[in-house]
N, C-alpha and C. Protein backbone atom coordinates (compact mmCIF):
# COMPACT_ATOMS: atom_id res chain seq x y z
N UNK A 1 0.28 2.03 -4.10
CA UNK A 1 1.00 0.75 -3.93
C UNK A 1 0.03 -0.22 -3.42
N UNK A 2 0.10 -1.43 -4.00
CA UNK A 2 -0.72 -2.57 -3.60
C UNK A 2 0.17 -3.66 -3.20
N UNK A 3 -0.47 -4.56 -2.28
CA UNK A 3 0.29 -5.71 -1.78
C UNK A 3 -0.69 -6.81 -1.56
N UNK A 4 -0.15 -8.00 -1.85
CA UNK A 4 -0.87 -9.31 -1.67
C UNK A 4 0.11 -10.27 -0.98
N UNK A 5 -0.30 -10.86 0.14
CA UNK A 5 0.60 -11.72 0.86
C UNK A 5 0.39 -13.17 0.47
N UNK A 6 1.43 -14.03 0.78
CA UNK A 6 1.25 -15.41 0.61
C UNK A 6 1.87 -16.14 1.76
N UNK A 7 1.41 -17.33 2.06
CA UNK A 7 1.95 -18.17 3.12
C UNK A 7 1.20 -17.86 4.42
N UNK A 8 1.60 -18.71 5.42
CA UNK A 8 2.66 -19.64 5.41
C UNK A 8 2.30 -20.89 4.51
N UNK A 9 3.41 -21.18 3.72
CA UNK A 9 3.39 -22.42 2.94
C UNK A 9 4.65 -23.23 3.20
N UNK A 10 4.55 -24.53 3.03
CA UNK A 10 5.75 -25.33 3.15
C UNK A 10 6.82 -24.83 2.08
N UNK A 11 8.08 -25.10 2.43
CA UNK A 11 9.16 -24.76 1.44
C UNK A 11 9.24 -25.86 0.41
N UNK A 12 8.02 -26.08 -0.21
CA UNK A 12 7.87 -27.09 -1.23
C UNK A 12 7.56 -26.38 -2.60
N UNK A 13 8.24 -26.77 -3.62
CA UNK A 13 8.21 -26.12 -4.93
C UNK A 13 6.75 -25.96 -5.42
N UNK A 14 5.97 -27.07 -5.36
CA UNK A 14 4.53 -26.91 -5.87
C UNK A 14 3.75 -25.99 -5.00
N UNK A 15 3.83 -26.17 -3.74
CA UNK A 15 2.93 -25.29 -2.86
C UNK A 15 3.36 -23.88 -3.02
N UNK A 16 4.66 -23.54 -3.03
CA UNK A 16 5.13 -22.21 -3.18
C UNK A 16 4.71 -21.55 -4.56
N UNK A 17 4.83 -22.34 -5.56
CA UNK A 17 4.37 -21.82 -6.96
C UNK A 17 2.92 -21.46 -6.90
N UNK A 18 2.07 -22.37 -6.38
CA UNK A 18 0.67 -22.09 -6.25
C UNK A 18 0.33 -20.85 -5.51
N UNK A 19 1.05 -20.71 -4.34
CA UNK A 19 0.84 -19.58 -3.40
C UNK A 19 1.31 -18.23 -4.05
N UNK A 20 2.40 -18.27 -4.76
CA UNK A 20 2.86 -17.09 -5.44
C UNK A 20 1.95 -16.69 -6.59
N UNK A 21 1.53 -17.67 -7.37
CA UNK A 21 0.62 -17.36 -8.53
C UNK A 21 -0.72 -16.78 -8.01
N UNK A 22 -1.15 -17.32 -6.88
CA UNK A 22 -2.44 -16.83 -6.27
C UNK A 22 -2.23 -15.33 -5.81
N UNK A 23 -1.16 -15.06 -5.12
CA UNK A 23 -0.79 -13.74 -4.66
C UNK A 23 -0.71 -12.72 -5.81
N UNK A 24 -0.01 -13.15 -6.86
CA UNK A 24 0.17 -12.25 -7.99
C UNK A 24 -1.20 -12.09 -8.63
N UNK A 25 -2.06 -12.98 -8.79
CA UNK A 25 -3.37 -12.80 -9.39
C UNK A 25 -4.22 -11.82 -8.51
N UNK A 26 -4.17 -12.07 -7.22
CA UNK A 26 -4.98 -11.20 -6.25
C UNK A 26 -4.47 -9.78 -6.20
N UNK A 27 -3.21 -9.53 -6.56
CA UNK A 27 -2.72 -8.19 -6.56
C UNK A 27 -3.48 -7.18 -7.22
N UNK A 28 -3.90 -7.56 -8.41
CA UNK A 28 -4.74 -6.65 -9.22
C UNK A 28 -3.99 -5.47 -9.79
N UNK A 29 -2.70 -5.59 -9.92
CA UNK A 29 -1.82 -4.51 -10.42
C UNK A 29 -0.57 -5.08 -10.96
N UNK A 30 0.24 -4.31 -11.61
CA UNK A 30 1.48 -4.84 -12.14
C UNK A 30 2.42 -5.17 -11.01
N UNK A 31 2.85 -6.44 -10.90
CA UNK A 31 3.77 -6.76 -9.81
C UNK A 31 5.19 -6.12 -10.01
N UNK A 32 5.71 -5.62 -8.90
CA UNK A 32 7.06 -4.93 -9.00
C UNK A 32 8.09 -5.56 -8.15
N UNK A 33 7.68 -6.39 -7.09
CA UNK A 33 8.63 -6.88 -6.15
C UNK A 33 7.99 -8.12 -5.48
N UNK A 34 8.83 -9.20 -5.20
CA UNK A 34 8.50 -10.30 -4.31
C UNK A 34 9.42 -10.20 -3.13
N UNK A 35 8.87 -10.13 -1.91
CA UNK A 35 9.65 -10.20 -0.66
C UNK A 35 9.35 -11.52 0.00
N UNK A 36 10.25 -12.24 0.37
CA UNK A 36 9.95 -13.42 1.17
C UNK A 36 10.91 -13.70 2.35
N UNK A 37 10.33 -14.57 3.26
CA UNK A 37 11.09 -14.84 4.46
C UNK A 37 10.95 -16.36 4.61
N UNK A 38 12.09 -16.99 4.85
CA UNK A 38 12.12 -18.49 4.96
C UNK A 38 12.98 -18.92 6.14
N UNK A 39 12.79 -20.09 6.66
CA UNK A 39 13.66 -20.56 7.83
C UNK A 39 15.10 -20.66 7.31
N UNK A 40 16.00 -20.47 8.25
CA UNK A 40 17.44 -20.55 7.89
C UNK A 40 17.87 -21.91 7.45
N UNK A 41 17.19 -22.98 7.84
CA UNK A 41 17.57 -24.28 7.49
C UNK A 41 17.02 -24.81 6.16
N UNK A 42 16.20 -23.94 5.49
CA UNK A 42 15.60 -24.32 4.27
C UNK A 42 16.58 -24.11 3.08
N UNK A 43 16.31 -24.78 1.98
CA UNK A 43 17.16 -24.65 0.77
C UNK A 43 16.80 -23.37 0.06
N UNK A 44 17.43 -22.28 0.48
CA UNK A 44 17.09 -20.98 -0.15
C UNK A 44 17.32 -20.90 -1.67
N UNK A 45 18.29 -21.61 -2.09
CA UNK A 45 18.57 -21.59 -3.54
C UNK A 45 17.38 -22.26 -4.24
N UNK A 46 16.85 -23.27 -3.77
CA UNK A 46 15.67 -23.96 -4.40
C UNK A 46 14.44 -22.98 -4.30
N UNK A 47 14.30 -22.31 -3.22
CA UNK A 47 13.17 -21.44 -3.05
C UNK A 47 13.34 -20.25 -4.07
N UNK A 48 14.52 -19.71 -4.15
CA UNK A 48 14.75 -18.66 -5.13
C UNK A 48 14.50 -19.13 -6.57
N UNK A 49 14.92 -20.33 -6.91
CA UNK A 49 14.69 -20.89 -8.19
C UNK A 49 13.19 -21.08 -8.51
N UNK A 50 12.48 -21.47 -7.53
CA UNK A 50 11.03 -21.65 -7.61
C UNK A 50 10.35 -20.25 -7.91
N UNK A 51 10.66 -19.25 -7.11
CA UNK A 51 10.15 -17.89 -7.30
C UNK A 51 10.47 -17.35 -8.61
N UNK A 52 11.73 -17.50 -9.04
CA UNK A 52 12.18 -16.99 -10.38
C UNK A 52 11.39 -17.66 -11.54
N UNK A 53 11.01 -18.99 -11.32
CA UNK A 53 10.24 -19.72 -12.34
C UNK A 53 8.85 -19.15 -12.50
N UNK A 54 8.27 -18.55 -11.48
CA UNK A 54 7.04 -18.01 -11.41
C UNK A 54 7.04 -16.55 -12.00
N UNK A 55 8.11 -15.85 -11.69
CA UNK A 55 8.13 -14.42 -12.02
C UNK A 55 9.57 -13.93 -12.10
N UNK A 56 9.82 -12.95 -13.00
CA UNK A 56 11.15 -12.39 -13.17
C UNK A 56 11.24 -10.98 -12.54
N UNK A 57 10.29 -10.61 -11.71
CA UNK A 57 10.35 -9.31 -11.06
C UNK A 57 11.36 -9.34 -9.99
N UNK A 58 11.84 -8.24 -9.51
CA UNK A 58 12.87 -8.15 -8.39
C UNK A 58 12.42 -9.04 -7.21
N UNK A 59 13.43 -9.64 -6.57
CA UNK A 59 13.16 -10.56 -5.51
C UNK A 59 14.08 -10.16 -4.37
N UNK A 60 13.63 -10.06 -3.08
CA UNK A 60 14.38 -9.81 -1.94
C UNK A 60 13.92 -10.68 -0.81
N UNK A 61 14.76 -11.03 0.12
CA UNK A 61 14.30 -11.79 1.30
C UNK A 61 15.42 -12.01 2.26
N UNK A 62 15.09 -12.83 3.29
CA UNK A 62 15.98 -13.13 4.41
C UNK A 62 15.56 -14.38 5.06
N UNK A 63 16.48 -14.96 5.79
CA UNK A 63 16.12 -16.10 6.65
C UNK A 63 15.49 -15.53 7.97
N UNK A 64 14.66 -16.26 8.51
CA UNK A 64 13.89 -15.85 9.77
C UNK A 64 14.63 -16.52 10.98
N UNK A 65 14.55 -15.71 12.03
CA UNK A 65 15.20 -16.19 13.24
C UNK A 65 14.27 -17.00 14.11
N UNK A 66 13.05 -16.70 14.10
CA UNK A 66 12.05 -17.49 14.87
C UNK A 66 10.80 -17.85 14.19
N UNK A 67 10.12 -16.77 13.78
CA UNK A 67 8.86 -17.00 13.07
C UNK A 67 8.60 -15.94 12.11
N UNK A 68 7.69 -16.20 11.07
CA UNK A 68 7.36 -15.15 10.13
C UNK A 68 5.82 -15.35 9.96
N UNK A 69 5.13 -14.32 9.50
CA UNK A 69 3.73 -14.36 9.50
C UNK A 69 3.10 -13.51 8.44
N UNK A 70 1.85 -13.88 8.08
CA UNK A 70 0.98 -13.04 7.31
C UNK A 70 -0.36 -13.02 7.97
N UNK A 71 -1.34 -12.45 7.37
CA UNK A 71 -2.72 -12.43 7.96
C UNK A 71 -3.28 -13.82 8.05
N UNK A 72 -2.63 -14.73 7.23
CA UNK A 72 -3.22 -16.11 7.20
C UNK A 72 -2.47 -17.09 8.24
N UNK A 73 -1.56 -16.60 8.91
CA UNK A 73 -1.03 -17.41 9.97
C UNK A 73 0.51 -17.14 10.23
N UNK A 74 1.07 -17.85 11.17
CA UNK A 74 2.45 -17.78 11.61
C UNK A 74 3.14 -19.08 11.45
N UNK A 75 4.44 -19.05 11.09
CA UNK A 75 5.18 -20.23 10.85
C UNK A 75 6.62 -20.10 11.30
N UNK A 76 7.13 -21.28 11.75
CA UNK A 76 8.58 -21.38 12.07
C UNK A 76 9.24 -22.21 11.04
N UNK A 77 8.55 -22.87 10.24
CA UNK A 77 9.13 -23.78 9.30
C UNK A 77 8.79 -23.63 7.81
N UNK A 78 7.83 -22.68 7.57
CA UNK A 78 7.34 -22.44 6.22
C UNK A 78 7.90 -21.15 5.73
N UNK A 79 7.39 -20.79 4.55
CA UNK A 79 7.74 -19.60 3.82
C UNK A 79 6.59 -18.61 3.77
N UNK A 80 6.84 -17.33 4.03
CA UNK A 80 5.83 -16.30 3.86
C UNK A 80 6.43 -15.17 3.04
N UNK A 81 5.55 -14.32 2.47
CA UNK A 81 6.02 -13.21 1.70
C UNK A 81 4.88 -12.40 1.26
N UNK A 82 5.31 -11.45 0.24
CA UNK A 82 4.36 -10.53 -0.28
C UNK A 82 4.75 -10.27 -1.77
N UNK A 83 3.75 -9.97 -2.55
CA UNK A 83 3.93 -9.42 -3.91
C UNK A 83 3.49 -8.01 -3.84
N UNK A 84 4.34 -7.02 -4.21
CA UNK A 84 4.08 -5.65 -4.11
C UNK A 84 4.06 -5.09 -5.51
N UNK A 85 3.16 -4.19 -5.83
CA UNK A 85 3.06 -3.58 -7.13
C UNK A 85 2.23 -2.38 -7.18
N UNK A 86 1.87 -2.01 -8.36
CA UNK A 86 1.09 -0.90 -8.72
C UNK A 86 1.56 -0.14 -9.87
N UNK A 87 0.68 0.61 -10.47
CA UNK A 87 1.05 1.34 -11.61
C UNK A 87 2.03 2.47 -11.50
N UNK A 88 1.85 3.12 -10.33
CA UNK A 88 2.71 4.27 -10.00
C UNK A 88 3.86 3.94 -9.00
N UNK A 89 4.32 2.68 -9.04
CA UNK A 89 5.32 2.25 -8.13
C UNK A 89 6.52 1.74 -8.96
N UNK A 90 7.66 2.15 -8.49
CA UNK A 90 8.88 1.52 -9.07
C UNK A 90 9.76 0.93 -7.98
N UNK A 91 10.40 -0.09 -8.21
CA UNK A 91 11.17 -0.82 -7.21
C UNK A 91 12.51 -1.29 -7.82
N UNK A 92 13.57 -1.14 -7.01
CA UNK A 92 14.77 -1.77 -7.39
C UNK A 92 15.49 -2.33 -6.21
N UNK A 93 16.31 -3.35 -6.43
CA UNK A 93 17.02 -3.97 -5.28
C UNK A 93 18.49 -3.99 -5.61
N UNK A 94 19.32 -3.69 -4.62
CA UNK A 94 20.75 -3.81 -4.80
C UNK A 94 21.35 -4.62 -3.66
N UNK A 95 22.39 -5.31 -3.97
CA UNK A 95 23.09 -6.13 -2.94
C UNK A 95 24.22 -5.35 -2.38
N UNK A 96 24.42 -5.40 -1.09
CA UNK A 96 25.54 -4.84 -0.37
C UNK A 96 26.41 -5.98 0.02
N UNK A 97 27.62 -6.09 -0.56
CA UNK A 97 28.46 -7.30 -0.40
C UNK A 97 29.65 -6.98 0.42
N UNK A 98 30.18 -7.96 1.09
CA UNK A 98 31.49 -7.93 1.87
C UNK A 98 31.41 -6.75 2.93
N UNK A 99 30.39 -6.71 3.74
CA UNK A 99 30.26 -5.73 4.68
C UNK A 99 31.34 -5.80 5.80
N UNK A 100 31.70 -6.98 6.15
CA UNK A 100 32.79 -7.17 7.23
C UNK A 100 34.04 -6.48 6.84
N UNK A 101 34.42 -6.49 5.57
CA UNK A 101 35.70 -5.94 5.14
C UNK A 101 35.69 -4.46 4.90
N UNK A 102 34.57 -3.86 4.96
CA UNK A 102 34.57 -2.44 4.73
C UNK A 102 33.08 -1.90 4.57
N UNK A 103 32.43 -1.62 5.66
CA UNK A 103 30.98 -1.30 5.72
C UNK A 103 30.76 -0.05 4.90
N UNK A 104 31.51 1.00 5.09
CA UNK A 104 31.34 2.30 4.42
C UNK A 104 31.38 2.13 2.91
N UNK A 105 32.38 1.53 2.47
CA UNK A 105 32.61 1.27 1.04
C UNK A 105 31.55 0.39 0.43
N UNK A 106 31.18 -0.64 1.13
CA UNK A 106 30.14 -1.57 0.63
C UNK A 106 28.79 -0.81 0.49
N UNK A 107 28.44 -0.06 1.56
CA UNK A 107 27.11 0.67 1.46
C UNK A 107 27.12 1.73 0.39
N UNK A 108 28.23 2.49 0.34
CA UNK A 108 28.41 3.56 -0.65
C UNK A 108 28.29 3.01 -2.06
N UNK A 109 29.01 1.92 -2.32
CA UNK A 109 28.88 1.33 -3.62
C UNK A 109 27.51 0.80 -4.05
N UNK A 110 26.87 0.19 -3.08
CA UNK A 110 25.48 -0.25 -3.31
C UNK A 110 24.53 0.87 -3.60
N UNK A 111 24.57 1.86 -2.73
CA UNK A 111 23.66 3.02 -2.91
C UNK A 111 23.93 3.77 -4.24
N UNK A 112 25.15 3.74 -4.71
CA UNK A 112 25.43 4.35 -6.01
C UNK A 112 24.74 3.64 -7.15
N UNK A 113 24.34 2.35 -6.91
CA UNK A 113 23.54 1.60 -7.90
C UNK A 113 22.08 1.90 -7.93
N UNK A 114 21.63 2.71 -7.03
CA UNK A 114 20.20 3.05 -6.99
C UNK A 114 19.98 4.36 -7.81
N UNK A 115 18.93 4.37 -8.70
CA UNK A 115 18.54 5.54 -9.43
C UNK A 115 17.19 6.06 -8.80
N UNK A 116 17.31 7.22 -8.16
CA UNK A 116 16.01 7.81 -7.50
C UNK A 116 14.97 7.92 -8.54
N UNK A 117 13.75 7.64 -8.17
CA UNK A 117 12.53 7.85 -9.08
C UNK A 117 12.07 9.22 -9.06
N UNK A 118 11.14 9.43 -9.94
CA UNK A 118 10.63 10.87 -10.13
C UNK A 118 9.44 11.18 -9.21
N UNK A 119 8.78 10.13 -8.61
CA UNK A 119 7.67 10.40 -7.78
C UNK A 119 8.14 10.91 -6.41
N UNK A 120 7.23 11.54 -5.58
CA UNK A 120 7.65 12.17 -4.41
C UNK A 120 7.98 11.24 -3.26
N UNK A 121 7.43 10.03 -3.20
CA UNK A 121 7.59 9.12 -2.10
C UNK A 121 8.83 8.20 -2.30
N UNK A 122 9.77 8.24 -1.39
CA UNK A 122 10.98 7.42 -1.43
C UNK A 122 11.18 6.68 -0.18
N UNK A 123 11.36 5.30 -0.28
CA UNK A 123 11.58 4.54 0.86
C UNK A 123 12.68 3.48 0.55
N UNK A 124 13.42 3.16 1.59
CA UNK A 124 14.48 2.15 1.47
C UNK A 124 14.21 1.15 2.61
N UNK A 125 14.16 -0.10 2.26
CA UNK A 125 14.04 -1.23 3.17
C UNK A 125 15.30 -2.00 3.16
N UNK A 126 15.87 -2.33 4.31
CA UNK A 126 17.16 -2.97 4.43
C UNK A 126 16.99 -4.33 5.07
N UNK A 127 17.49 -5.39 4.49
CA UNK A 127 17.47 -6.71 5.08
C UNK A 127 18.91 -7.11 5.18
N UNK A 128 19.40 -7.42 6.35
CA UNK A 128 20.83 -7.64 6.47
C UNK A 128 21.16 -8.93 7.20
N UNK A 129 22.29 -9.51 6.85
CA UNK A 129 22.92 -10.69 7.57
C UNK A 129 23.18 -10.16 8.96
N UNK A 130 22.61 -10.80 9.94
CA UNK A 130 22.79 -10.30 11.35
C UNK A 130 24.20 -10.42 11.88
N UNK A 131 25.04 -11.22 11.25
CA UNK A 131 26.37 -11.44 11.74
C UNK A 131 27.38 -10.64 11.00
N UNK A 132 27.03 -9.83 10.02
CA UNK A 132 27.95 -9.16 9.14
C UNK A 132 28.43 -7.87 9.78
N UNK A 133 27.58 -7.28 10.64
CA UNK A 133 28.14 -5.91 11.15
C UNK A 133 27.21 -5.52 12.27
N UNK A 134 27.51 -4.46 12.97
CA UNK A 134 26.73 -3.85 13.94
C UNK A 134 25.57 -3.14 13.27
N UNK A 135 24.39 -3.39 13.70
CA UNK A 135 23.22 -2.80 13.08
C UNK A 135 23.17 -1.35 13.08
N UNK A 136 23.52 -0.72 14.19
CA UNK A 136 23.57 0.73 14.29
C UNK A 136 24.48 1.36 13.30
N UNK A 137 25.55 0.71 13.04
CA UNK A 137 26.58 1.27 12.06
C UNK A 137 26.02 1.11 10.62
N UNK A 138 25.35 0.05 10.35
CA UNK A 138 24.77 -0.17 9.07
C UNK A 138 23.68 0.90 8.78
N UNK A 139 22.78 1.09 9.71
CA UNK A 139 21.78 2.06 9.57
C UNK A 139 22.27 3.49 9.42
N UNK A 140 23.37 3.79 10.20
CA UNK A 140 23.96 5.12 10.12
C UNK A 140 24.56 5.33 8.68
N UNK A 141 25.24 4.32 8.15
CA UNK A 141 25.82 4.47 6.79
C UNK A 141 24.69 4.66 5.84
N UNK A 142 23.65 3.94 5.96
CA UNK A 142 22.53 4.12 4.93
C UNK A 142 21.87 5.41 5.08
N UNK A 143 21.62 5.95 6.33
CA UNK A 143 21.01 7.24 6.54
C UNK A 143 21.94 8.36 5.96
N UNK A 144 23.23 8.22 6.13
CA UNK A 144 24.18 9.14 5.54
C UNK A 144 24.16 9.15 4.01
N UNK A 145 23.80 7.96 3.45
CA UNK A 145 23.92 7.85 1.99
C UNK A 145 22.64 8.16 1.23
N UNK A 146 21.51 8.40 1.92
CA UNK A 146 20.32 8.78 1.21
C UNK A 146 19.82 10.15 1.70
N UNK A 147 18.96 10.77 0.90
CA UNK A 147 18.47 12.12 1.37
C UNK A 147 17.66 11.95 2.70
N UNK A 148 17.72 12.99 3.46
CA UNK A 148 17.09 12.88 4.79
C UNK A 148 15.57 12.67 4.77
N UNK A 149 14.97 13.00 3.71
CA UNK A 149 13.47 12.83 3.71
C UNK A 149 13.05 11.46 3.27
N UNK A 150 13.93 10.59 2.93
CA UNK A 150 13.60 9.23 2.58
C UNK A 150 13.30 8.44 3.79
N UNK A 151 12.27 7.56 3.70
CA UNK A 151 11.94 6.60 4.81
C UNK A 151 12.94 5.49 4.77
N UNK A 152 13.46 5.05 5.87
CA UNK A 152 14.35 3.94 6.00
C UNK A 152 13.80 2.98 7.01
N UNK A 153 13.70 1.75 6.62
CA UNK A 153 13.23 0.67 7.60
C UNK A 153 13.78 -0.65 7.22
N UNK A 154 13.64 -1.64 8.04
CA UNK A 154 14.22 -2.98 7.78
C UNK A 154 14.40 -3.86 9.06
N UNK A 155 15.26 -4.81 8.80
CA UNK A 155 15.53 -5.70 9.83
C UNK A 155 16.66 -6.64 9.53
N UNK A 156 16.96 -7.51 10.52
CA UNK A 156 18.12 -8.40 10.34
C UNK A 156 17.68 -9.86 10.25
N UNK A 157 18.29 -10.63 9.37
CA UNK A 157 17.97 -11.94 9.15
C UNK A 157 18.27 -12.74 10.42
N UNK A 158 17.69 -13.83 10.65
CA UNK A 158 17.92 -14.67 11.85
C UNK A 158 18.24 -16.13 11.48
N UNK A 159 18.59 -16.95 12.48
CA UNK A 159 18.86 -18.32 12.23
C UNK A 159 18.30 -19.18 13.41
N UNK A 160 17.24 -18.66 14.05
CA UNK A 160 16.64 -19.47 15.21
C UNK A 160 17.54 -19.64 16.36
N UNK A 161 18.37 -18.77 16.68
CA UNK A 161 19.31 -18.87 17.79
C UNK A 161 20.30 -19.94 17.71
N UNK A 162 20.60 -20.34 16.42
CA UNK A 162 21.58 -21.35 16.18
C UNK A 162 23.05 -20.75 16.14
N UNK A 163 23.10 -19.44 15.89
CA UNK A 163 24.33 -18.71 15.72
C UNK A 163 25.31 -19.47 14.71
N UNK A 164 24.65 -19.98 13.59
CA UNK A 164 25.35 -20.64 12.56
C UNK A 164 25.51 -19.76 11.30
N UNK A 165 24.74 -18.71 11.24
CA UNK A 165 24.81 -17.81 10.08
C UNK A 165 23.52 -17.44 9.47
N UNK A 166 23.36 -16.32 9.00
CA UNK A 166 22.09 -15.83 8.35
C UNK A 166 22.37 -15.45 6.92
N UNK A 167 21.34 -15.45 6.14
CA UNK A 167 21.53 -15.15 4.71
C UNK A 167 20.39 -14.25 4.25
N UNK A 168 20.77 -13.48 3.12
CA UNK A 168 19.71 -12.57 2.52
C UNK A 168 19.63 -13.00 1.01
N UNK A 169 18.59 -12.49 0.38
CA UNK A 169 18.37 -12.73 -0.99
C UNK A 169 18.23 -11.50 -1.80
N UNK A 170 18.92 -11.37 -2.90
CA UNK A 170 18.78 -10.23 -3.88
C UNK A 170 18.77 -10.82 -5.19
N UNK A 171 17.58 -10.70 -5.91
CA UNK A 171 17.58 -11.30 -7.21
C UNK A 171 17.75 -12.78 -7.23
N UNK A 172 18.66 -13.29 -8.01
CA UNK A 172 19.01 -14.70 -7.97
C UNK A 172 20.07 -15.13 -6.94
N UNK A 173 20.57 -14.22 -6.16
CA UNK A 173 21.73 -14.47 -5.29
C UNK A 173 21.21 -14.67 -3.89
N UNK A 174 21.77 -15.69 -3.20
CA UNK A 174 21.69 -15.97 -1.75
C UNK A 174 23.01 -15.82 -1.18
N UNK A 175 23.19 -14.98 -0.20
CA UNK A 175 24.45 -14.76 0.35
C UNK A 175 24.46 -14.30 1.81
N UNK A 176 25.62 -14.38 2.45
CA UNK A 176 25.81 -13.83 3.78
C UNK A 176 26.84 -12.70 3.61
N UNK A 177 27.27 -12.12 4.75
CA UNK A 177 28.22 -10.95 4.82
C UNK A 177 27.69 -9.85 3.92
N UNK A 178 26.46 -9.60 4.00
CA UNK A 178 25.91 -8.52 3.25
C UNK A 178 24.51 -8.21 3.50
N UNK A 179 23.85 -7.41 2.72
CA UNK A 179 22.52 -6.95 2.89
C UNK A 179 21.91 -6.68 1.53
N UNK A 180 20.60 -6.57 1.55
CA UNK A 180 19.86 -6.20 0.37
C UNK A 180 19.22 -4.88 0.64
N UNK A 181 19.28 -3.87 -0.29
CA UNK A 181 18.62 -2.60 -0.07
C UNK A 181 17.44 -2.67 -1.18
N UNK A 182 16.27 -2.42 -0.68
CA UNK A 182 15.12 -2.38 -1.55
C UNK A 182 14.68 -0.86 -1.64
N UNK A 183 14.69 -0.36 -2.86
CA UNK A 183 14.30 1.04 -2.96
C UNK A 183 12.94 1.06 -3.62
N UNK A 184 11.98 1.75 -2.95
CA UNK A 184 10.61 1.91 -3.47
C UNK A 184 10.31 3.37 -3.63
N UNK A 185 9.78 3.63 -4.86
CA UNK A 185 9.41 5.01 -5.25
C UNK A 185 7.90 4.97 -5.56
N UNK A 186 7.09 5.79 -4.81
CA UNK A 186 5.66 5.77 -4.96
C UNK A 186 5.09 7.13 -4.71
N UNK A 187 3.90 7.40 -5.18
CA UNK A 187 3.31 8.69 -4.93
C UNK A 187 2.71 8.79 -3.54
């Protein structure tokens, strides 16, 4: 697996397009996933539109609560992210919707949408709306829904202590009351 990071960059269409194209070019492999983190007050729909105009590979992300960073710096107002890829890597993203009305059913339904790859390495990254559910319950449901040898990691979206709401990104969708599950299969 290879990864190239971008940002911090302003949540400006031109700056973001340049940064994404540079990261994709620096990757040196087939891109499989874009992961990004943006301030809760930014126009996530516009950011998603910009990313989708540069690439049609899977996209996942979340709002940040305080700061986000790459090796190039830290930001509380800009966008950061990574392009992940490689010849022996497969990635898929699924949305977990309406967690508040039924965590077990929402997670089970989303996990049913994942098709395990053939390579030996399996990992699941979870990005969740921090106000949608108890984090321990979400992780428990995910751990129960995937084989015990899969790596599971992730975090919760933030809103800078505003308690106004957090959002996650899966593909073209920006939403709350849910999570995105990123499945990575690598050797």
